[in-house]
Protein backbone atom coordinates (compact mmCIF):
# COMPACT_ATOMS: atom_id res chain seq x y z
CA MET A 1 83.37 117.53 94.37
CA ILE A 2 87.10 116.59 93.71
CA VAL A 3 89.14 118.68 96.23
CA GLU A 4 93.01 119.00 95.79
CA LEU A 5 94.35 120.49 99.19
CA ASP A 6 95.84 123.65 98.90
CA ASN A 7 98.99 125.20 100.75
CA LYS A 8 96.91 126.57 103.91
CA GLU A 9 95.06 123.45 104.55
CA ILE A 10 98.53 121.34 104.24
CA SER A 11 100.63 123.34 106.56
CA PHE A 12 100.23 122.85 110.29
CA LYS A 13 101.85 124.42 112.96
CA TYR A 14 101.84 126.02 116.36
CA SER A 15 101.95 129.85 117.22
CA LEU A 16 102.91 130.22 120.99
CA GLN A 17 103.16 133.52 122.63
CA ASP A 18 106.21 134.47 124.82
CA THR A 19 104.46 134.68 127.83
CA ASP A 20 103.11 131.03 127.51
CA LEU A 21 106.75 130.01 128.57
CA GLU A 22 106.18 131.85 131.45
CA ILE A 23 104.90 129.02 133.69
CA SER A 24 105.09 126.91 136.81
CA GLU A 25 105.75 123.58 137.20
CA ARG A 26 102.11 121.80 136.85
CA GLY A 27 100.99 118.16 137.60
CA ILE A 28 99.91 115.16 135.60
CA VAL A 29 98.16 116.69 132.32
CA GLY A 30 95.16 115.61 130.48
CA GLN A 31 94.00 112.83 132.71
CA GLU A 32 91.35 114.53 134.63
CA ARG A 33 89.00 111.33 134.32
CA ALA A 34 91.57 109.03 135.27
CA LEU A 35 92.59 110.83 138.38
CA LYS A 36 89.07 111.32 139.84
CA ALA A 37 88.83 107.47 139.45
CA LEU A 38 92.07 107.09 141.04
CA ARG A 39 91.27 109.36 144.15
CA THR A 40 87.92 107.65 144.60
CA GLY A 41 89.89 103.96 144.87
CA LEU A 42 92.72 105.36 146.92
CA LYS A 43 90.41 107.02 149.66
CA THR A 44 87.68 104.08 149.66
CA ASN A 45 88.58 102.23 152.63
CA ARG A 46 86.24 99.34 151.87
CA ASN A 47 87.01 95.73 150.82
CA GLY A 48 87.06 95.23 146.78
CA TYR A 49 88.53 99.03 146.30
CA ASN A 50 91.47 97.74 144.76
CA LEU A 51 92.50 99.01 141.63
CA PHE A 52 93.67 98.04 138.08
CA ILE A 53 95.03 101.12 136.26
CA SER A 54 95.51 100.69 132.53
CA GLY A 55 97.41 103.20 129.62
CA GLU A 56 100.08 103.47 127.78
CA MET A 57 103.81 103.55 129.01
CA GLY A 58 104.59 107.07 129.47
CA THR A 59 101.03 108.46 130.65
CA GLY A 60 101.83 109.02 133.97
CA LYS A 61 100.47 106.19 135.48
CA LEU A 62 103.02 105.18 138.51
CA THR A 63 103.55 109.22 139.35
CA SER A 64 100.01 109.90 139.57
CA VAL A 65 99.39 106.90 141.94
CA ARG A 66 102.60 108.00 144.16
CA GLN A 67 101.14 111.46 144.00
CA GLU A 68 97.84 110.78 144.98
CA ALA A 69 98.32 108.23 147.56
CA GLU A 70 100.29 111.30 148.97
CA ASN A 71 97.28 112.98 149.41
CA CYS A 72 95.72 109.99 151.89
CA THR A 73 96.69 110.99 154.87
CA ASP A 74 94.57 108.56 157.07
CA GLU A 75 97.04 108.20 160.16
CA GLU A 76 94.93 105.28 161.94
CA MET A 77 96.30 103.20 159.08
CA ILE A 78 100.07 103.90 159.91
CA LYS A 79 100.61 101.06 162.56
CA ASP A 80 103.56 99.14 163.99
CA VAL A 81 102.84 95.39 163.55
CA VAL A 82 104.65 92.47 165.84
CA TYR A 83 104.47 89.00 166.03
CA LEU A 84 104.26 87.17 169.16
CA ALA A 85 104.38 83.47 170.36
CA ASN A 86 101.13 81.47 170.78
CA PRO A 87 101.18 80.06 174.22
CA SER A 88 98.49 77.19 173.23
CA ASN A 89 100.51 76.57 169.86
CA PRO A 90 103.48 78.33 168.83
CA TYR A 91 103.40 77.08 165.32
CA PHE A 92 100.18 79.58 165.35
CA PRO A 93 102.10 83.10 166.13
CA ILE A 94 99.86 85.95 167.12
CA SER A 95 99.83 89.25 165.34
CA LEU A 96 99.02 92.74 167.06
CA CYS A 97 98.65 95.71 165.39
CA LEU A 98 100.05 98.92 167.51
CA ASN A 99 100.04 102.44 167.48
CA LYS A 100 103.10 103.71 165.79
CA GLY A 101 106.11 103.60 168.55
CA ASP A 102 104.22 100.91 170.50
CA GLY A 103 106.01 98.23 168.88
CA ASN A 104 109.70 99.32 170.28
CA LYS A 105 107.95 100.13 173.53
CA LEU A 106 106.30 96.55 173.78
CA LYS A 107 109.27 94.90 172.83
CA ALA A 108 111.22 96.83 175.33
CA LEU A 109 108.67 95.92 178.11
CA LEU A 110 108.48 92.22 177.28
CA SER A 111 112.29 91.54 177.16
CA SER A 112 112.44 92.92 180.86
CA ALA A 113 110.22 90.24 181.86
CA THR A 114 111.41 87.33 184.27
CA ILE A 115 110.01 84.59 186.02
CA GLU A 116 110.27 87.15 189.57
CA ASN A 117 108.37 90.37 187.60
CA TYR A 118 106.66 89.13 184.73
CA GLN A 119 103.15 90.22 186.56
CA MET A 120 104.18 93.68 187.09
CA VAL A 121 105.68 93.74 183.43
CA LEU A 122 102.23 92.56 181.95
CA GLU A 123 100.34 95.65 184.07
CA GLU A 124 102.61 97.93 182.79
CA VAL A 125 101.92 96.52 179.24
CA LYS A 126 98.31 96.70 179.76
CA ASN A 127 98.53 100.55 181.06
CA GLN A 128 100.72 101.58 178.39
CA ILE A 129 99.59 99.64 175.42
CA PRO A 130 95.87 98.79 175.40
CA GLU A 131 96.27 96.83 172.21
CA ALA A 132 98.45 94.36 173.77
CA THR A 133 96.14 93.75 176.71
CA ARG A 134 94.89 90.56 174.87
CA TYR A 135 98.00 89.13 174.62
CA ALA A 136 98.97 89.94 178.36
CA ALA A 137 95.86 88.29 179.19
CA LEU A 138 97.09 84.98 177.52
CA LEU A 139 100.19 85.57 179.47
CA SER A 140 98.92 86.08 182.87
CA LYS A 141 97.14 82.71 182.66
CA SER A 142 99.98 80.23 181.60
CA THR A 143 103.56 78.63 182.99
CA PHE A 144 106.64 81.47 182.35
CA ASN A 145 108.26 80.88 179.18
CA GLU A 146 110.77 83.32 177.98
CA ASN A 147 109.73 82.73 174.36
CA ASN A 148 106.47 84.04 175.04
CA TYR A 149 107.98 87.58 176.18
CA LYS A 150 110.25 87.94 172.85
CA VAL A 151 108.86 90.13 170.14
CA ASN A 152 109.36 89.90 166.29
CA LEU A 153 108.57 93.82 165.23
CA VAL A 154 107.98 92.82 161.68
CA LEU A 155 106.67 96.61 161.00
CA ASP A 156 108.27 99.78 162.56
CA ARG A 157 106.27 102.78 161.40
CA SER A 158 107.28 104.96 164.59
CA LEU A 159 108.99 107.33 162.30
CA ASP A 160 106.70 107.20 159.35
CA ASN A 161 104.04 110.19 158.92
CA LYS A 162 102.52 108.42 155.65
CA ARG A 163 100.83 105.45 154.57
CA PRO A 164 103.08 103.07 152.94
CA PHE A 165 103.84 103.09 149.53
CA ILE A 166 105.66 100.00 147.75
CA VAL A 167 106.30 99.07 144.24
CA GLU A 168 107.50 95.50 143.98
CA SER A 169 109.20 95.22 140.83
CA HIS A 170 109.84 91.53 141.18
CA PRO A 171 106.70 89.97 142.43
CA THR A 172 107.64 86.30 143.50
CA PHE A 173 105.72 84.48 146.55
CA GLU A 174 108.68 84.97 148.78
CA ASN A 175 109.00 88.61 147.96
CA LEU A 176 105.30 88.90 148.20
CA PHE A 177 104.52 87.02 150.92
CA GLY A 178 107.55 86.38 153.07
CA TYR A 179 109.30 83.21 154.04
CA ALA A 180 110.50 81.53 157.63
CA ASP A 181 114.34 81.77 158.59
CA LYS A 182 115.40 77.91 158.73
CA SER A 183 117.73 78.97 161.16
CA GLU A 184 115.57 80.15 163.57
CA ASP A 185 113.89 77.68 166.03
CA ILE A 186 111.52 79.79 167.73
CA PRO A 187 108.47 79.97 165.15
CA HIS A 188 107.26 83.53 165.69
CA LEU A 189 110.86 84.81 165.47
CA ALA A 190 111.24 82.95 162.07
CA ILE A 191 108.90 85.01 160.26
CA HIS A 192 110.21 87.57 157.51
CA ILE A 193 107.27 89.65 155.74
CA GLY A 194 107.23 90.21 152.13
CA SER A 195 106.03 93.27 150.37
CA TYR A 196 102.33 92.44 150.81
CA ALA A 197 102.30 92.66 154.36
CA LYS A 198 105.00 95.91 154.41
CA ALA A 199 102.36 97.73 152.37
CA SER A 200 99.87 96.92 155.27
CA GLY A 201 97.66 100.06 156.00
CA GLY A 202 98.88 101.37 152.59
CA PHE A 203 99.40 100.77 148.71
CA LEU A 204 101.16 98.04 146.92
CA VAL A 205 101.81 98.90 143.15
CA LEU A 206 102.34 95.80 140.90
CA THR A 207 102.80 95.40 137.13
CA ALA A 208 99.86 93.02 135.64
CA ALA A 209 101.70 90.94 133.51
CA GLU A 210 104.77 90.28 135.94
CA VAL A 211 102.16 88.85 138.34
CA LEU A 212 100.12 86.42 136.02
CA SER A 213 103.47 84.95 134.69
CA GLN A 214 104.06 83.34 137.80
CA LYS A 215 102.20 80.22 138.07
CA GLY A 216 99.67 80.58 140.98
CA LEU A 217 100.71 84.30 142.14
CA TRP A 218 97.64 85.58 140.97
CA ASP A 219 95.48 83.14 142.77
CA ALA A 220 97.43 83.52 146.05
CA ILE A 221 97.21 87.47 145.65
CA LYS A 222 93.30 86.86 145.39
CA ARG A 223 93.01 84.77 148.49
CA HIS A 224 94.86 87.41 150.70
CA LEU A 225 92.67 90.38 148.91
CA ASP A 226 89.64 87.98 150.06
CA SER A 227 90.90 87.82 153.59
CA THR A 228 91.30 91.25 153.62
CA ALA A 229 94.83 90.54 155.45
CA MET A 230 98.08 88.91 155.34
CA ALA A 231 98.25 84.90 155.28
CA LEU A 232 101.90 83.16 154.63
CA SER A 233 100.96 80.02 152.47
CA THR A 234 101.91 76.31 153.47
CA SER A 235 101.25 73.02 152.35
CA GLY A 236 104.79 72.71 150.41
CA VAL A 237 103.71 74.85 147.61
CA GLN A 238 105.96 77.75 146.53
CA GLY A 239 106.41 80.41 149.24
CA SER A 240 105.86 78.11 152.39
CA LEU A 241 107.30 79.08 155.43
CA GLY A 242 110.79 77.26 155.23
CA LYS A 243 111.68 74.38 156.89
CA ASP A 244 108.24 73.69 159.08
CA GLU A 245 105.38 74.07 157.23
CA ARG A 246 103.38 73.83 160.13
CA ILE A 247 103.86 77.64 161.02
CA ARG A 248 100.60 79.46 160.42
CA PRO A 249 101.02 83.30 161.85
CA GLU A 250 97.85 84.82 162.41
CA PRO A 251 96.95 87.49 159.62
CA ILE A 252 97.70 91.19 159.80
CA ALA A 253 94.23 93.10 160.85
CA LEU A 254 95.16 95.74 158.34
CA PRO A 255 94.47 95.92 155.00
CA THR A 256 96.55 96.11 151.92
CA LYS A 257 95.20 98.28 148.70
CA VAL A 258 96.71 96.38 145.69
CA ILE A 259 97.42 98.48 142.61
CA LEU A 260 97.83 96.71 139.28
CA LEU A 261 99.49 98.35 136.63
CA GLY A 262 98.43 96.74 133.05
CA SER A 263 96.65 97.03 129.41
CA GLU A 264 93.60 97.05 128.37
CA ASP A 265 93.79 93.74 127.08
CA ILE A 266 94.81 92.30 130.40
CA PHE A 267 91.95 93.99 132.00
CA ASP A 268 89.50 92.93 129.02
CA GLU A 269 90.97 89.19 129.66
CA LEU A 270 90.74 89.13 133.47
CA CYS A 271 87.05 90.62 133.20
CA ASP A 272 86.15 87.81 130.82
CA LYS A 273 87.61 84.88 132.36
CA ASP A 274 88.08 85.73 135.97
CA GLU A 275 84.92 85.81 137.82
CA GLY A 276 86.18 87.34 141.03
CA PHE A 277 88.05 90.08 139.40
CA LEU A 278 85.33 92.71 139.29
CA ARG A 279 84.58 92.05 143.04
CA LEU A 280 88.33 92.40 143.98
CA PHE A 281 89.03 95.37 141.49
CA LYS A 282 86.31 97.58 141.83
CA VAL A 283 87.98 100.78 140.28
CA ALA A 284 89.60 100.49 136.80
CA PRO A 285 91.26 103.98 136.07
CA GLN A 286 92.20 104.35 132.32
CA PHE A 287 95.14 106.96 131.36
CA ASP A 288 94.75 108.20 127.72
CA TYR A 289 97.02 108.18 125.41
CA MET A 290 95.93 111.55 124.16
CA MET A 291 94.25 114.90 125.15
CA GLU A 292 92.84 117.87 123.80
CA ALA A 293 95.37 120.40 122.07
CA ASN A 294 93.58 123.11 124.44
CA LYS A 295 95.28 126.16 126.18
CA GLU A 296 95.30 123.81 129.30
CA ASN A 297 97.14 121.15 127.83
CA ILE A 298 99.49 122.92 125.79
CA LEU A 299 100.77 124.85 128.90
CA GLY A 300 100.98 121.74 130.82
CA THR A 301 103.06 119.77 128.14
CA ILE A 302 105.29 123.38 127.84
CA ALA A 303 105.81 123.20 131.69
CA TYR A 304 107.00 119.36 131.26
CA LEU A 305 109.26 120.41 128.41
CA LYS A 306 110.63 123.15 130.56
CA LYS A 307 111.08 120.34 133.42
CA ILE A 308 113.29 118.29 131.25
CA ASN A 309 115.11 121.22 130.13
CA PRO A 310 115.13 124.66 131.36
CA ASN A 311 117.01 125.95 128.07
CA ILE A 312 114.20 125.45 125.52
CA THR A 313 112.87 128.39 123.20
CA LYS A 314 109.39 129.13 122.25
CA GLU A 315 110.34 127.76 118.62
CA ALA A 316 111.69 124.59 120.04
CA CYS A 317 108.10 124.39 122.21
CA GLU A 318 106.19 124.95 118.67
CA GLU A 319 107.89 122.32 117.10
CA ALA A 320 107.87 119.59 120.01
CA LEU A 321 103.98 120.39 120.38
CA ARG A 322 103.61 119.53 116.37
CA TYR A 323 105.49 116.42 116.70
CA SER A 324 103.09 115.71 119.84
CA SER A 325 100.31 116.09 117.60
CA SER A 326 101.87 113.84 115.06
CA ILE A 327 102.05 111.00 117.31
CA CYS A 328 98.04 111.34 117.74
CA GLU A 329 97.91 111.76 113.92
CA SER A 330 95.73 114.88 114.80
CA ARG A 331 95.86 118.53 114.67
CA ASP A 332 93.11 118.64 117.59
CA GLN A 333 95.10 116.34 119.85
CA LEU A 334 98.42 116.38 121.87
CA THR A 335 100.02 112.68 123.16
CA CYS A 336 99.79 112.02 126.87
CA GLN A 337 102.76 110.23 126.50
CA LEU A 338 105.00 112.78 127.54
CA THR A 339 108.10 110.67 128.09
CA LEU A 340 107.98 110.43 124.08
CA LEU A 341 108.48 114.19 123.81
CA GLY A 342 110.99 114.03 126.82
CA ASP A 343 113.27 111.93 124.91
CA LEU A 344 112.86 114.03 121.92
CA ILE A 345 113.90 117.11 123.82
CA SER A 346 117.22 115.10 125.25
CA GLU A 347 118.31 114.29 121.69
CA ALA A 348 117.54 117.78 120.41
CA ALA A 349 119.97 119.08 123.25
CA LEU A 350 122.70 117.12 121.77
CA TYR A 351 122.84 119.34 118.70
CA SER A 352 122.23 122.89 120.60
CA ASN A 353 124.53 125.28 121.84
CA GLY A 354 123.12 125.97 125.20
CA LYS A 355 119.56 127.16 123.97
CA ILE A 356 117.41 124.18 122.52
CA THR A 357 115.62 126.02 118.96
CA GLY A 358 113.40 124.99 116.80
CA ASP A 359 116.09 123.66 114.17
CA ASP A 360 117.54 121.49 116.62
CA ILE A 361 113.95 119.60 117.29
CA LYS A 362 113.74 119.35 113.32
CA ARG A 363 117.33 118.06 113.19
CA ALA A 364 116.46 115.65 116.03
CA ILE A 365 113.13 114.19 114.46
CA LYS A 366 114.96 114.24 110.87
CA ASP A 367 117.95 112.25 112.34
CA ARG A 368 115.36 109.92 113.90
CA ALA A 369 114.00 108.89 110.41
CA GLU A 370 117.25 108.52 108.92
CA LEU A 371 118.26 106.09 111.47
CA THR A 372 115.33 103.84 111.06
CA ASP A 373 114.74 104.19 107.32
CA LEU A 374 116.86 101.39 105.90
CA LEU A 375 114.17 99.17 104.96
CA GLU A 376 112.18 101.68 103.30
CA ASP A 377 115.39 102.90 101.19
CA ARG A 378 115.82 99.35 100.50
CA ILE A 379 112.31 99.15 99.25
CA ASN A 380 112.33 102.23 96.96
CA GLN A 381 115.64 100.98 95.63
CA GLU A 382 113.92 97.84 94.25
CA ILE A 383 110.95 99.93 93.00
CA LYS A 384 113.57 102.05 90.78
CA SER A 385 115.54 98.87 89.51
CA GLY A 386 112.21 97.14 88.65
CA GLU A 387 112.40 94.32 91.14
CA LEU A 388 109.21 95.65 92.72
CA LEU A 389 106.90 96.33 90.07
CA VAL A 390 105.27 99.80 91.03
CA SER A 391 104.97 102.41 88.72
CA THR A 392 104.66 106.24 89.27
CA SER A 393 103.41 107.18 85.96
CA GLY A 394 101.04 106.42 83.03
CA SER A 395 98.01 104.35 83.04
CA LYS A 396 96.85 100.52 83.73
CA VAL A 397 93.82 98.66 83.55
CA GLY A 398 93.06 97.10 86.83
CA ILE A 399 96.08 98.25 88.64
CA ILE A 400 96.36 100.68 91.83
CA ASN A 401 99.04 101.90 93.75
CA GLY A 402 97.45 101.17 97.45
CA LEU A 403 99.63 102.22 100.52
CA ALA A 404 100.55 100.14 103.37
CA VAL A 405 102.10 101.08 106.57
CA MET A 406 105.70 98.69 107.87
CA ASP A 407 106.69 98.86 111.49
CA ARG A 408 110.01 98.07 112.90
CA GLY A 409 110.13 98.49 116.57
CA ALA A 410 108.99 101.76 117.29
CA ALA A 411 109.27 103.32 114.01
CA SER A 412 107.02 102.76 110.94
CA PHE A 413 106.93 103.87 107.30
CA GLY A 414 104.55 104.12 104.46
CA THR A 415 105.09 102.23 100.84
CA PRO A 416 103.08 101.31 97.99
CA ALA A 417 101.52 98.20 97.43
CA VAL A 418 100.33 97.38 94.39
CA ILE A 419 97.01 95.77 94.01
CA SER A 420 95.51 93.89 90.91
CA ALA A 421 92.15 92.93 89.91
CA THR A 422 90.80 90.39 87.59
CA VAL A 423 87.37 89.72 86.34
CA ALA A 424 85.71 86.89 84.07
CA PRO A 425 81.94 85.44 83.93
CA GLY A 426 81.11 83.57 86.98
CA SER A 427 79.31 83.06 90.09
CA GLU A 428 82.17 82.84 92.56
CA GLY A 429 81.79 86.48 93.32
CA ILE A 430 85.06 88.54 94.58
CA VAL A 431 88.09 86.05 95.70
CA ASN A 432 90.36 87.42 97.94
CA ILE A 433 93.57 85.66 96.96
CA GLU A 434 95.36 86.87 100.40
CA HIS A 435 92.38 84.71 102.15
CA GLU A 436 92.80 82.07 99.74
CA ALA A 437 96.89 82.01 100.67
CA GLY A 438 95.90 82.08 104.24
CA LEU A 439 97.61 86.04 103.99
CA SER A 440 94.40 88.03 105.13
CA GLY A 441 93.06 88.85 108.51
CA GLU A 442 89.51 89.28 109.52
CA ILE A 443 88.94 92.94 108.94
CA HIS A 444 90.51 92.71 105.51
CA ASP A 445 88.04 89.91 104.49
CA LYS A 446 85.13 91.66 105.71
CA GLY A 447 86.51 94.73 103.46
CA ILE A 448 86.08 92.33 100.54
CA LEU A 449 82.52 91.73 101.48
CA ILE A 450 81.82 95.54 101.61
CA LEU A 451 82.87 95.59 98.06
CA GLN A 452 80.33 93.03 96.73
CA GLY A 453 77.77 95.21 98.30
CA TYR A 454 78.73 98.14 96.56
CA LEU A 455 78.61 96.66 93.31
CA ARG A 456 74.87 95.03 93.91
CA LYS A 457 73.69 98.61 95.42
CA ASN A 458 75.30 100.78 92.56
CA TYR A 459 74.97 98.35 89.27
CA ALA A 460 73.38 95.26 89.95
CA ARG A 461 69.51 96.28 90.17
CA SER A 462 67.95 95.03 87.35
CA PHE A 463 70.12 92.04 86.78
CA PRO A 464 71.65 89.52 89.36
CA LEU A 465 75.66 89.98 90.00
CA SER A 466 77.34 87.59 88.43
CA ILE A 467 81.09 87.79 88.29
CA TYR A 468 84.38 85.98 89.11
CA ALA A 469 86.90 88.67 90.15
CA GLY A 470 90.14 87.88 91.86
CA LEU A 471 91.80 90.88 93.96
CA CYS A 472 95.80 90.62 94.90
CA PHE A 473 98.18 92.54 96.91
CA GLU A 474 101.18 91.94 94.22
CA GLN A 475 104.67 90.89 95.76
CA ASN A 476 103.39 90.37 99.02
CA TYR A 477 104.14 87.65 101.35
CA SER A 478 103.09 89.02 104.79
CA GLU A 479 99.30 88.97 106.20
CA VAL A 480 97.07 91.84 105.20
CA ASP A 481 94.61 93.02 107.81
CA GLY A 482 92.69 96.15 108.31
CA ASP A 483 90.35 97.99 105.79
CA SER A 484 92.49 100.90 105.03
CA ALA A 485 93.31 99.32 101.46
CA SER A 486 89.46 98.59 100.69
CA SER A 487 88.86 101.57 98.89
CA SER A 488 92.18 100.79 96.48
CA GLU A 489 90.68 97.39 95.79
CA LEU A 490 87.38 98.88 94.87
CA TYR A 491 89.00 101.20 92.36
CA ALA A 492 91.25 98.32 91.20
CA LEU A 493 88.13 96.23 90.75
CA LEU A 494 86.05 98.72 88.93
CA SER A 495 88.80 99.82 86.76
CA ALA A 496 89.07 95.88 85.84
CA ILE A 497 85.20 95.47 84.99
CA GLY A 498 84.92 98.53 82.88
CA GLU A 499 88.32 97.92 81.11
CA LEU A 500 89.01 101.60 82.43
CA PRO A 501 92.95 102.66 82.75
CA VAL A 502 93.25 104.36 85.98
CA ARG A 503 96.48 106.81 86.48
CA GLN A 504 99.28 105.01 88.26
CA ASP A 505 100.84 108.54 89.74
CA ILE A 506 98.25 108.62 92.34
CA ALA A 507 98.05 106.43 95.43
CA ILE A 508 95.16 105.78 97.48
CA THR A 509 94.26 105.02 101.03
CA GLY A 510 91.05 104.98 102.97
CA SER A 511 88.28 102.64 103.72
CA VAL A 512 84.81 102.65 101.94
CA ASN A 513 81.41 101.78 103.19
CA GLN A 514 78.48 100.16 100.97
CA MET A 515 76.90 103.17 99.91
CA GLY A 516 80.67 104.20 98.43
CA ILE A 517 81.30 106.84 101.09
CA LEU A 518 85.27 107.11 102.19
CA GLN A 519 86.42 106.78 105.48
CA PRO A 520 88.85 107.89 107.78
CA VAL A 521 92.28 105.68 108.37
CA SER A 522 95.22 105.69 110.27
CA GLY A 523 98.80 106.09 109.43
CA ILE A 524 97.93 108.56 107.10
CA ASN A 525 101.05 110.64 107.23
CA GLU A 526 103.66 107.68 107.01
CA LYS A 527 101.51 106.89 103.84
CA ILE A 528 101.62 110.24 102.12
CA THR A 529 105.39 110.60 102.70
CA GLY A 530 106.09 106.41 101.78
CA PHE A 531 104.67 107.51 98.43
CA TYR A 532 106.18 110.98 98.50
CA HIS A 533 109.74 109.23 98.83
CA THR A 534 109.06 106.70 96.07
CA CYS A 535 108.31 109.33 93.62
CA LYS A 536 110.81 111.76 94.71
CA LEU A 537 113.62 108.87 93.93
CA CYS A 538 111.85 107.78 90.71
CA GLY A 539 111.56 111.32 89.41
CA PHE A 540 108.48 114.02 89.95
CA THR A 541 106.47 114.37 87.14
CA GLY A 542 104.47 117.05 88.73
CA THR A 543 101.36 114.90 88.58
CA GLN A 544 102.00 112.64 91.52
CA GLY A 545 100.10 112.65 94.70
CA VAL A 546 97.73 110.82 97.46
CA ILE A 547 94.20 110.24 97.32
CA ILE A 548 92.99 110.42 101.22
CA PRO A 549 89.66 110.63 102.75
CA LYS A 550 88.28 114.24 103.60
CA GLN A 551 87.74 113.47 107.17
CA ASN A 552 91.74 112.77 107.42
CA ILE A 553 92.45 116.44 106.77
CA ARG A 554 92.75 117.15 110.51
CA SER A 555 95.48 114.36 110.36
CA LEU A 556 97.56 115.81 108.11
CA ILE A 557 100.91 116.56 109.91
CA LEU A 558 103.46 116.09 107.10
CA PRO A 559 107.44 116.20 107.27
CA TYR A 560 108.40 119.63 106.19
CA GLU A 561 109.77 118.34 102.92
CA VAL A 562 106.74 116.87 101.82
CA GLU A 563 104.72 120.42 102.50
CA ASP A 564 107.24 122.03 100.59
CA ASP A 565 106.96 120.11 97.63
CA ILE A 566 103.36 120.35 97.46
CA LYS A 567 103.51 123.76 97.54
CA LYS A 568 105.96 123.89 94.73
CA GLY A 569 103.51 121.61 92.46
CA ASN A 570 105.89 118.70 92.71
CA PHE A 571 103.29 116.35 94.69
CA HIS A 572 99.40 116.57 95.31
CA LEU A 573 96.80 115.66 97.96
CA TRP A 574 93.18 114.94 96.89
CA ALA A 575 90.66 114.83 99.80
CA LEU A 576 87.41 112.94 98.42
CA SER A 577 84.16 112.00 100.06
CA THR A 578 83.04 109.06 97.58
CA ILE A 579 84.25 106.52 95.57
CA GLU A 580 82.95 108.47 92.65
CA GLU A 581 84.76 111.27 92.92
CA GLY A 582 88.25 109.29 93.02
CA MET A 583 87.18 107.24 89.90
CA GLU A 584 86.87 110.63 87.98
CA LEU A 585 90.26 111.64 88.89
CA LEU A 586 91.94 108.47 88.44
CA THR A 587 89.79 107.40 84.81
CA GLY A 588 89.38 111.13 83.45
CA LEU A 589 85.84 110.04 82.99
CA PRO A 590 82.71 111.83 84.61
CA SER A 591 80.60 110.02 86.80
CA SER A 592 76.46 110.42 86.54
CA SER A 593 73.33 110.02 88.49
CA ARG A 594 70.76 107.54 86.78
CA ASP A 595 68.16 109.39 84.70
CA LYS A 596 64.31 108.63 84.71
CA ARG A 597 64.89 105.60 82.81
CA GLY A 598 67.24 104.45 85.42
CA LEU A 599 70.14 104.47 83.15
CA PHE A 600 73.78 106.05 83.47
CA LYS A 601 74.69 108.82 81.04
CA PRO A 602 76.54 107.38 78.04
CA GLY A 603 80.37 108.16 78.20
CA SER A 604 80.16 108.23 82.22
CA PHE A 605 82.18 105.48 84.00
CA ASN A 606 79.16 104.32 85.41
CA ARG A 607 77.88 103.48 82.52
CA VAL A 608 80.66 101.55 81.31
CA ILE A 609 81.01 99.37 84.06
CA GLU A 610 77.38 98.46 84.50
CA ASP A 611 77.29 97.65 80.51
CA ASN A 612 80.28 95.35 81.36
CA LEU A 613 78.53 93.74 84.27
CA LYS A 614 75.39 93.36 82.23
CA LYS A 615 77.66 91.41 79.78
CA LEU A 616 79.46 89.27 82.15
CA TYR A 617 75.85 88.30 83.19
CA GLU A 618 74.85 87.25 79.83
CA SER A 619 78.36 85.42 79.27
CA GLY A 620 77.78 83.61 82.33
CA LYS A 621 74.38 82.42 81.45
CA GLY A 622 75.81 80.03 78.80
CA ASN A 623 77.75 78.55 80.88
């Protein structure tokens, strides 16, 4: 059944209560699953429980990690670390992990040692710092050397009450793993540790893309994680210990939990190509980019908006929530990328007189669009001047107005895309001209094969499908991918086969399966708005509009000007379920089911198309 959407179905708005703004600050919103996984990974002190955290920018990944790490109050992981001379071989310095505050105590005790009193000093060390007993025993058996009593306190945690949390923004070999001071002659005093060791007993946050961009760095990190401690690299490679590569410090016996922030693509690639990855990174929290628009998440979003600017009104919050849903292309969802809303609030504040109103939000959204719509304006001007052959009125055979979305940075807009089809007798099937020209992606190629399946199922039951058809995106010189134009291509093909004129005042989007059922697509609001702008520039006729899949009704969050012109009857939306419904609307002819003899009703578009397919088959037999 052909359904034109009414004003109620098209309009969308949030309605808040005054009490909804009377809320206190809240934590991370809409990421319960990710936070649970994050807590598991942070609190499990076993080898391999490092974390790879994926998700879009602005979803609260780093903030969440920092907050949850602060709740890990395992004080025995807060240790001082010293490097000491190895009496047997100074180029293999010894590391000791001490209770916080004991590093300075050990340094003070050993620095007081002389040839006359060193035995008394060592007894004091044993009595006051049990963790240093092992080292004191080594010294008591050796000939006195003042270098053996010099302490390199590389980690002083005497004033710390939280486990270390380090974000390494520039991960290089030296920044991560340290270096040896070339001006220092005493090996253990030459050691300068990097962020990996500074995070011992705590957490080190790295960006996966940065790590993988440095040759050899990822393998070095894995080696350190495998050893569960720090081991400075040598052998002349980048990150070696300065002028004397023989310096091999003893690893710090305190694990560092590495937290990688990255994309789903990087995670999948590491899973597929790196055998040791899942063994070392056993926890992988995923931060979602959208969340259910329930009361809890609405209030959490409002709390965030108030944190950005306390002078935001209820009406402004309603408009910001509407914008949040539009990012998700769903009336039932809100974006988890709250920084996008923060940017909008900051821009709206430029127009406010103290209080940020709903009109300020609308103006900020409108100005954003105007600042990025130069290319859209040029395309529409070319349509109006006739340079681009797009019609917004009349009927044509084998020509359909599809809809495409073009991206420019963070902005995107919809535009008409003329799709043409030609048919002749033959056995080649449907020829995808974009594919032949190297401009078709794999998903688009799949969509073309689906069209052949539809023709066989619906029409070629008593005779072979024998056709040579060409499908083309006219005046297109870039790659076409995705299946959102597959219904438009099928309409153009059916029109060409049946020699049936189809309306040019209607643009179409939606994918289709072999059964002829329309399926939802993305970018629905941009596509509708794009054709709306084209029709408005060329002149409204009162009959123009867009066909969308019925499932996309929940995606409709249109600009207010589009909503207003639909309410006035200047523009229309039809939400359909099947190709047959679309053909009825585009041709004005009825569809029909097969009768008891297996025939379509005369005068129906189905009968015309099947008769012409038979003629193509008969014509092809003579060749």
